[in-house]
Amino acid sequence: MKPESAAFLDKARDLLERASALLAQQFTDEAGRNAYFAGFHAAQAFIFEKTDRSPKTHSGVQAEFARLAKREPVIDDKLRAFLGRVYNLKALADYETGAGSKISAVQAADAIEAGRSFIATLEKLIDR
């Protein structure tokens, strides 16, 4: 594994741990946001391992991940959709106001669990 990829994965695991801790304290918006960023950094690791570069923007990482994930049969549709789906939670937490602008505990827990699967799958692909 390349050192840059390892650093991205370390950051991803750290953010996922923080997401779990935040959820336990009922900070659901922050937990959902950290679950997204955990996936974002894991995707950067995967991209860097394959291309020796990593986009910095949300749209750039999502697009490049989608392109590369098409070639990997172990990345199923649910995992391919993870970044876009959980980005919606991040956007909800960061930009929305009023009724319906809060991430629920169930949404945050689902994002964390999906993030675990996402990171674990990408780690296996990078390590092979």
C-alpha atoms as a PDB file:
ATOM      1  CA  MET A   1       0.000   0.000   0.000  1.00  0.00           C
ATOM      2  CA  LYS A   2       1.262   3.467  -0.855  1.00  0.00           C
ATOM      3  CA  PRO A   3       1.935   5.777   2.109  1.00  0.00           C
ATOM      4  CA  GLU A   4      -0.590   8.329   0.829  1.00  0.00           C
ATOM      5  CA  SER A   5      -3.301   5.659   0.625  1.00  0.00           C
ATOM      6  CA  ALA A   6      -2.465   4.496   4.146  1.00  0.00           C
ATOM      7  CA  ALA A   7      -2.775   8.071   5.426  1.00  0.00           C
ATOM      8  CA  PHE A   8      -6.190   8.482   3.785  1.00  0.00           C
ATOM      9  CA  LEU A   9      -7.354   5.188   5.332  1.00  0.00           C
ATOM     10  CA  ASP A  10      -6.062   6.193   8.774  1.00  0.00           C
ATOM     11  CA  LYS A  11      -8.076   9.404   8.494  1.00  0.00           C
ATOM     12  CA  ALA A  12     -11.140   7.451   7.353  1.00  0.00           C
ATOM     13  CA  ARG A  13     -10.969   5.050  10.309  1.00  0.00           C
ATOM     14  CA  ASP A  14     -10.461   7.936  12.735  1.00  0.00           C
ATOM     15  CA  LEU A  15     -13.466   9.815  11.383  1.00  0.00           C
ATOM     16  CA  LEU A  16     -15.642   6.722  11.576  1.00  0.00           C
ATOM     17  CA  GLU A  17     -14.635   6.247  15.230  1.00  0.00           C
ATOM     18  CA  ARG A  18     -15.529   9.875  15.895  1.00  0.00           C
ATOM     19  CA  ALA A  19     -18.866   9.378  14.151  1.00  0.00           C
ATOM     20  CA  SER A  20     -19.700   6.504  16.509  1.00  0.00           C
ATOM     21  CA  ALA A  21     -18.678   8.544  19.556  1.00  0.00           C
ATOM     22  CA  LEU A  22     -20.739  11.514  18.386  1.00  0.00           C
ATOM     23  CA  LEU A  23     -23.763   9.318  17.800  1.00  0.00           C
ATOM     24  CA  ALA A  24     -23.433   7.885  21.332  1.00  0.00           C
ATOM     25  CA  GLN A  25     -23.615  11.475  22.607  1.00  0.00           C
ATOM     26  CA  GLN A  26     -26.667  12.122  20.386  1.00  0.00           C
ATOM     27  CA  PHE A  27     -24.844  14.554  18.091  1.00  0.00           C
ATOM     28  CA  THR A  28     -26.544  13.055  15.068  1.00  0.00           C
ATOM     29  CA  ASP A  29     -25.724  15.778  12.526  1.00  0.00           C
ATOM     30  CA  GLU A  30     -22.042  15.593  13.371  1.00  0.00           C
ATOM     31  CA  ALA A  31     -22.111  11.781  13.347  1.00  0.00           C
ATOM     32  CA  GLY A  32     -23.657  11.729   9.874  1.00  0.00           C
ATOM     33  CA  ARG A  33     -21.205  14.315   8.587  1.00  0.00           C
ATOM     34  CA  ASN A  34     -18.219  12.355   9.937  1.00  0.00           C
ATOM     35  CA  ALA A  35     -19.556   9.125   8.414  1.00  0.00           C
ATOM     36  CA  TYR A  36     -19.550  10.869   5.033  1.00  0.00           C
ATOM     37  CA  PHE A  37     -16.021  12.224   5.462  1.00  0.00           C
ATOM     38  CA  ALA A  38     -14.815   8.784   6.539  1.00  0.00           C
ATOM     39  CA  GLY A  39     -16.081   7.402   3.238  1.00  0.00           C
ATOM     40  CA  PHE A  40     -14.687  10.386   1.344  1.00  0.00           C
ATOM     41  CA  HIS A  41     -11.159   9.708   2.652  1.00  0.00           C
ATOM     42  CA  ALA A  42     -11.463   5.962   2.053  1.00  0.00           C
ATOM     43  CA  ALA A  43     -12.465   6.710  -1.534  1.00  0.00           C
ATOM     44  CA  GLN A  44      -9.449   9.021  -1.838  1.00  0.00           C
ATOM     45  CA  ALA A  45      -7.231   6.127  -0.686  1.00  0.00           C
ATOM     46  CA  PHE A  46      -8.742   3.809  -3.292  1.00  0.00           C
ATOM     47  CA  ILE A  47      -8.379   6.420  -6.026  1.00  0.00           C
ATOM     48  CA  PHE A  48      -4.800   7.245  -5.076  1.00  0.00           C
ATOM     49  CA  GLU A  49      -3.844   3.586  -5.018  1.00  0.00           C
ATOM     50  CA  LYS A  50      -5.194   3.167  -8.560  1.00  0.00           C
ATOM     51  CA  THR A  51      -4.141   6.473 -10.138  1.00  0.00           C
ATOM     52  CA  ASP A  52      -1.387   8.085  -8.020  1.00  0.00           C
ATOM     53  CA  ARG A  53      -3.540  11.163  -7.588  1.00  0.00           C
ATOM     54  CA  SER A  54      -6.623  12.089  -5.635  1.00  0.00           C
ATOM     55  CA  PRO A  55      -9.254  14.680  -6.415  1.00  0.00           C
ATOM     56  CA  LYS A  56      -9.922  17.138  -3.591  1.00  0.00           C
ATOM     57  CA  THR A  57     -13.528  18.121  -4.308  1.00  0.00           C
ATOM     58  CA  HIS A  58     -16.609  16.154  -3.325  1.00  0.00           C
ATOM     59  CA  SER A  59     -17.782  15.883  -6.902  1.00  0.00           C
ATOM     60  CA  GLY A  60     -14.308  14.952  -8.132  1.00  0.00           C
ATOM     61  CA  VAL A  61     -13.901  12.148  -5.597  1.00  0.00           C
ATOM     62  CA  GLN A  62     -17.416  10.853  -6.226  1.00  0.00           C
ATOM     63  CA  ALA A  63     -16.987  10.857 -10.004  1.00  0.00           C
ATOM     64  CA  GLU A  64     -13.550   9.230  -9.991  1.00  0.00           C
ATOM     65  CA  PHE A  65     -14.631   6.653  -7.421  1.00  0.00           C
ATOM     66  CA  ALA A  66     -17.673   5.775  -9.545  1.00  0.00           C
ATOM     67  CA  ARG A  67     -15.490   5.376 -12.625  1.00  0.00           C
ATOM     68  CA  LEU A  68     -12.999   3.095 -10.886  1.00  0.00           C
ATOM     69  CA  ALA A  69     -15.618   1.152  -8.920  1.00  0.00           C
ATOM     70  CA  LYS A  70     -17.278  -0.011 -12.137  1.00  0.00           C
ATOM     71  CA  ARG A  71     -14.243  -2.231 -12.731  1.00  0.00           C
ATOM     72  CA  GLU A  72     -14.435  -3.912  -9.315  1.00  0.00           C
ATOM     73  CA  PRO A  73     -17.018  -6.696  -9.002  1.00  0.00           C
ATOM     74  CA  VAL A  74     -16.731  -6.728  -5.187  1.00  0.00           C
ATOM     75  CA  ILE A  75     -18.049  -3.158  -5.062  1.00  0.00           C
ATOM     76  CA  ASP A  76     -21.781  -3.747  -5.328  1.00  0.00           C
ATOM     77  CA  ASP A  77     -24.464  -1.186  -6.143  1.00  0.00           C
ATOM     78  CA  LYS A  78     -25.049  -0.405  -2.466  1.00  0.00           C
ATOM     79  CA  LEU A  79     -21.379   0.445  -1.922  1.00  0.00           C
ATOM     80  CA  ARG A  80     -21.190   2.397  -5.184  1.00  0.00           C
ATOM     81  CA  ALA A  81     -24.084   4.555  -3.972  1.00  0.00           C
ATOM     82  CA  PHE A  82     -22.622   5.137  -0.501  1.00  0.00           C
ATOM     83  CA  LEU A  83     -20.806   8.422  -1.166  1.00  0.00           C
ATOM     84  CA  GLY A  84     -23.727  10.089  -2.911  1.00  0.00           C
ATOM     85  CA  ARG A  85     -26.270   8.867  -0.380  1.00  0.00           C
ATOM     86  CA  VAL A  86     -24.276   9.928   2.666  1.00  0.00           C
ATOM     87  CA  TYR A  87     -23.219  13.199   1.033  1.00  0.00           C
ATOM     88  CA  ASN A  88     -26.923  14.042   1.166  1.00  0.00           C
ATOM     89  CA  LEU A  89     -26.751  13.703   4.965  1.00  0.00           C
ATOM     90  CA  LYS A  90     -23.721  15.988   5.080  1.00  0.00           C
ATOM     91  CA  ALA A  91     -25.572  18.550   2.965  1.00  0.00           C
ATOM     92  CA  LEU A  92     -28.627  18.242   5.202  1.00  0.00           C
ATOM     93  CA  ALA A  93     -26.514  18.876   8.305  1.00  0.00           C
ATOM     94  CA  ASP A  94     -24.520  21.706   6.768  1.00  0.00           C
ATOM     95  CA  TYR A  95     -27.014  23.661   4.706  1.00  0.00           C
ATOM     96  CA  GLU A  96     -30.636  22.903   5.526  1.00  0.00           C
ATOM     97  CA  THR A  97     -32.745  24.705   8.123  1.00  0.00           C
ATOM     98  CA  GLY A  98     -36.205  24.285   9.553  1.00  0.00           C
ATOM     99  CA  ALA A  99     -38.348  21.185   9.764  1.00  0.00           C
ATOM    100  CA  GLY A 100     -36.664  18.082   8.433  1.00  0.00           C
ATOM    101  CA  SER A 101     -33.175  19.568   8.599  1.00  0.00           C
ATOM    102  CA  LYS A 102     -31.854  17.236  11.303  1.00  0.00           C
ATOM    103  CA  ILE A 103     -30.189  13.880  10.727  1.00  0.00           C
ATOM    104  CA  SER A 104     -31.995  11.246  12.765  1.00  0.00           C
ATOM    105  CA  ALA A 105     -30.207   8.758  15.000  1.00  0.00           C
ATOM    106  CA  VAL A 106     -31.315   5.970  12.655  1.00  0.00           C
ATOM    107  CA  GLN A 107     -29.916   7.777   9.608  1.00  0.00           C
ATOM    108  CA  ALA A 108     -26.608   8.432  11.368  1.00  0.00           C
ATOM    109  CA  ALA A 109     -26.352   4.828  12.614  1.00  0.00           C
ATOM    110  CA  ASP A 110     -27.103   3.501   9.124  1.00  0.00           C
ATOM    111  CA  ALA A 111     -24.462   5.803   7.622  1.00  0.00           C
ATOM    112  CA  ILE A 112     -21.874   4.635  10.159  1.00  0.00           C
ATOM    113  CA  GLU A 113     -22.646   0.968   9.527  1.00  0.00           C
ATOM    114  CA  ALA A 114     -22.522   1.469   5.761  1.00  0.00           C
ATOM    115  CA  GLY A 115     -19.267   3.394   6.225  1.00  0.00           C
ATOM    116  CA  ARG A 116     -17.736   0.423   8.033  1.00  0.00           C
ATOM    117  CA  SER A 117     -18.600  -1.834   5.115  1.00  0.00           C
ATOM    118  CA  PHE A 118     -17.404   0.739   2.579  1.00  0.00           C
ATOM    119  CA  ILE A 119     -14.036   1.223   4.285  1.00  0.00           C
ATOM    120  CA  ALA A 120     -13.508  -2.507   4.885  1.00  0.00           C
ATOM    121  CA  THR A 121     -14.201  -3.310   1.237  1.00  0.00           C
ATOM    122  CA  LEU A 122     -11.838  -0.629  -0.028  1.00  0.00           C
ATOM    123  CA  GLU A 123      -9.118  -1.699   2.412  1.00  0.00           C
ATOM    124  CA  LYS A 124      -9.314  -5.248   1.058  1.00  0.00           C
ATOM    125  CA  LEU A 125      -9.112  -4.025  -2.522  1.00  0.00           C
ATOM    126  CA  ILE A 126      -6.125  -1.822  -1.764  1.00  0.00           C
ATOM    127  CA  ASP A 127      -4.319  -4.585   0.130  1.00  0.00           C
ATOM    128  CA  ARG A 128      -4.660  -7.215  -2.581  1.00  0.00           C
END
